[in-house]
Amino acid sequence: MGVTKEQTVHVGMGQFTDLKVCHELGIRSVWIDRAGEPLNPNWPPDAELNDLVGLPDLLSVS
């Protein structure tokens, strides 16, 4: 795709299927936690949102 790990941000809802994999691959992650579930401290996301509404602002380059 022509991007580096540093340029990649993965947005997902699953801790095991998204956050753990991002942690293992060394890419940034945004966790969409719609259910208010407790976060596994082994795979902390770079950002956490309740829904996708705030994602554009989070990803915008200033």
N, C-alpha and C. Protein backbone atom coordinates (compact mmCIF):
# COMPACT_ATOMS: atom_id res chain seq x y z
N MET A 1 0.82 -1.20 0.00
CA MET A 1 0.00 0.00 0.00
C MET A 1 0.86 1.26 0.00
N GLY A 2 2.12 1.12 0.24
CA GLY A 2 2.99 2.28 0.18
C GLY A 2 3.02 3.15 1.41
N VAL A 3 2.65 2.61 2.56
CA VAL A 3 2.73 3.37 3.81
C VAL A 3 3.56 2.61 4.83
N THR A 4 4.14 3.33 5.75
CA THR A 4 4.94 2.72 6.80
C THR A 4 4.08 2.43 8.01
N LYS A 5 4.64 1.69 8.96
CA LYS A 5 3.92 1.43 10.22
C LYS A 5 3.61 2.74 10.93
N GLU A 6 4.51 3.68 10.85
CA GLU A 6 4.33 4.97 11.52
C GLU A 6 3.18 5.77 10.91
N GLN A 7 2.86 5.51 9.66
CA GLN A 7 1.78 6.23 8.97
C GLN A 7 0.45 5.50 9.08
N THR A 8 0.44 4.36 9.72
CA THR A 8 -0.76 3.51 9.78
C THR A 8 -1.48 3.67 11.11
N VAL A 9 -2.80 3.77 11.04
CA VAL A 9 -3.66 3.78 12.22
C VAL A 9 -4.79 2.79 11.95
N HIS A 10 -4.96 1.85 12.85
CA HIS A 10 -6.03 0.87 12.73
C HIS A 10 -7.15 1.26 13.69
N VAL A 11 -8.37 1.26 13.18
CA VAL A 11 -9.55 1.58 13.99
C VAL A 11 -10.36 0.30 14.14
N GLY A 12 -10.63 -0.10 15.37
CA GLY A 12 -11.37 -1.34 15.57
C GLY A 12 -12.11 -1.37 16.89
N MET A 13 -12.94 -2.41 17.03
CA MET A 13 -13.75 -2.56 18.24
C MET A 13 -13.31 -3.73 19.12
N GLY A 14 -12.52 -4.64 18.60
CA GLY A 14 -12.15 -5.82 19.37
C GLY A 14 -10.80 -5.67 20.05
N GLN A 15 -10.73 -6.07 21.30
CA GLN A 15 -9.45 -5.99 21.99
C GLN A 15 -8.50 -7.06 21.48
N PHE A 16 -8.97 -8.29 21.41
CA PHE A 16 -8.09 -9.38 20.98
C PHE A 16 -7.83 -9.32 19.49
N THR A 17 -8.88 -9.10 18.70
CA THR A 17 -8.73 -9.12 17.24
C THR A 17 -8.16 -7.83 16.67
N ASP A 18 -8.21 -6.74 17.40
CA ASP A 18 -7.70 -5.47 16.90
C ASP A 18 -6.52 -4.95 17.72
N LEU A 19 -6.74 -4.68 18.99
CA LEU A 19 -5.70 -4.05 19.80
C LEU A 19 -4.48 -4.94 20.00
N LYS A 20 -4.70 -6.21 20.26
CA LYS A 20 -3.58 -7.14 20.45
C LYS A 20 -2.74 -7.23 19.18
N VAL A 21 -3.40 -7.35 18.05
CA VAL A 21 -2.70 -7.46 16.77
C VAL A 21 -1.91 -6.18 16.48
N CYS A 22 -2.52 -5.02 16.72
CA CYS A 22 -1.82 -3.75 16.51
C CYS A 22 -0.57 -3.67 17.39
N HIS A 23 -0.73 -4.08 18.63
CA HIS A 23 0.41 -4.08 19.56
C HIS A 23 1.53 -4.98 19.02
N GLU A 24 1.16 -6.17 18.56
CA GLU A 24 2.16 -7.11 18.03
C GLU A 24 2.83 -6.59 16.76
N LEU A 25 2.08 -5.89 15.92
CA LEU A 25 2.62 -5.37 14.65
C LEU A 25 3.31 -4.02 14.80
N GLY A 26 3.10 -3.36 15.93
CA GLY A 26 3.72 -2.06 16.15
C GLY A 26 3.05 -0.93 15.41
N ILE A 27 1.73 -1.04 15.20
CA ILE A 27 1.02 0.06 14.55
C ILE A 27 0.06 0.71 15.55
N ARG A 28 -0.25 1.97 15.30
CA ARG A 28 -1.13 2.72 16.19
C ARG A 28 -2.56 2.21 16.08
N SER A 29 -3.30 2.38 17.17
CA SER A 29 -4.68 1.89 17.18
C SER A 29 -5.62 2.89 17.84
N VAL A 30 -6.84 2.89 17.34
CA VAL A 30 -7.94 3.63 17.94
C VAL A 30 -9.00 2.60 18.28
N TRP A 31 -9.37 2.53 19.54
CA TRP A 31 -10.36 1.57 20.00
C TRP A 31 -11.71 2.24 20.09
N ILE A 32 -12.70 1.67 19.40
CA ILE A 32 -14.08 2.15 19.49
C ILE A 32 -14.78 1.27 20.52
N ASP A 33 -14.97 1.82 21.71
CA ASP A 33 -15.55 1.07 22.83
C ASP A 33 -17.00 1.48 23.04
N ARG A 34 -17.88 0.93 22.25
CA ARG A 34 -19.30 1.26 22.33
C ARG A 34 -19.97 0.65 23.55
N ALA A 35 -19.41 -0.44 24.07
CA ALA A 35 -20.05 -1.17 25.17
C ALA A 35 -19.53 -0.78 26.54
N GLY A 36 -18.49 0.05 26.61
CA GLY A 36 -17.93 0.44 27.89
C GLY A 36 -17.24 -0.71 28.60
N GLU A 37 -16.63 -1.60 27.85
CA GLU A 37 -15.97 -2.76 28.46
C GLU A 37 -14.61 -2.38 29.05
N PRO A 38 -14.17 -3.11 30.06
CA PRO A 38 -12.87 -2.82 30.66
C PRO A 38 -11.74 -3.11 29.67
N LEU A 39 -10.77 -2.26 29.68
CA LEU A 39 -9.63 -2.37 28.76
C LEU A 39 -8.58 -3.31 29.31
N ASN A 40 -8.08 -4.19 28.47
CA ASN A 40 -6.96 -5.04 28.84
C ASN A 40 -5.70 -4.18 28.84
N PRO A 41 -5.03 -4.03 29.97
CA PRO A 41 -3.86 -3.15 30.05
C PRO A 41 -2.66 -3.64 29.23
N ASN A 42 -2.70 -4.87 28.75
CA ASN A 42 -1.59 -5.38 27.94
C ASN A 42 -1.59 -4.82 26.52
N TRP A 43 -2.73 -4.31 26.06
CA TRP A 43 -2.83 -3.81 24.69
C TRP A 43 -3.48 -2.43 24.66
N PRO A 44 -2.88 -1.44 25.29
CA PRO A 44 -3.53 -0.12 25.33
C PRO A 44 -3.58 0.53 23.93
N PRO A 45 -4.72 1.09 23.58
CA PRO A 45 -4.82 1.80 22.31
C PRO A 45 -4.15 3.17 22.42
N ASP A 46 -3.84 3.74 21.28
CA ASP A 46 -3.30 5.10 21.26
C ASP A 46 -4.40 6.12 21.53
N ALA A 47 -5.63 5.75 21.21
CA ALA A 47 -6.78 6.61 21.50
C ALA A 47 -8.00 5.72 21.69
N GLU A 48 -8.99 6.24 22.41
CA GLU A 48 -10.21 5.50 22.67
C GLU A 48 -11.40 6.43 22.45
N LEU A 49 -12.39 5.94 21.73
CA LEU A 49 -13.61 6.70 21.46
C LEU A 49 -14.82 5.83 21.76
N ASN A 50 -15.96 6.46 22.06
CA ASN A 50 -17.21 5.74 22.28
C ASN A 50 -17.91 5.40 20.98
N ASP A 51 -17.65 6.19 19.93
CA ASP A 51 -18.25 5.97 18.62
C ASP A 51 -17.35 6.61 17.56
N LEU A 52 -17.77 6.58 16.33
CA LEU A 52 -16.94 7.09 15.24
C LEU A 52 -17.05 8.60 15.03
N VAL A 53 -17.93 9.27 15.76
CA VAL A 53 -18.16 10.69 15.55
C VAL A 53 -16.88 11.51 15.69
N GLY A 54 -16.07 11.22 16.69
CA GLY A 54 -14.85 12.00 16.93
C GLY A 54 -13.65 11.58 16.11
N LEU A 55 -13.80 10.53 15.30
CA LEU A 55 -12.64 10.00 14.55
C LEU A 55 -12.04 11.00 13.56
N PRO A 56 -12.82 11.72 12.77
CA PRO A 56 -12.21 12.68 11.85
C PRO A 56 -11.33 13.72 12.54
N ASP A 57 -11.79 14.25 13.67
CA ASP A 57 -11.00 15.23 14.40
C ASP A 57 -9.72 14.58 14.95
N LEU A 58 -9.84 13.37 15.41
CA LEU A 58 -8.70 12.65 15.97
C LEU A 58 -7.63 12.41 14.91
N LEU A 59 -8.06 12.11 13.70
CA LEU A 59 -7.12 11.77 12.63
C LEU A 59 -6.67 12.95 11.78
N SER A 60 -7.29 14.10 11.97
CA SER A 60 -6.93 15.25 11.14
C SER A 60 -5.53 15.74 11.48
N VAL A 61 -4.83 16.13 10.46
CA VAL A 61 -3.47 16.63 10.61
C VAL A 61 -3.53 18.14 10.77
N SER A 62 -2.93 18.62 11.84
CA SER A 62 -2.96 20.07 12.09
C SER A 62 -1.81 20.76 11.40
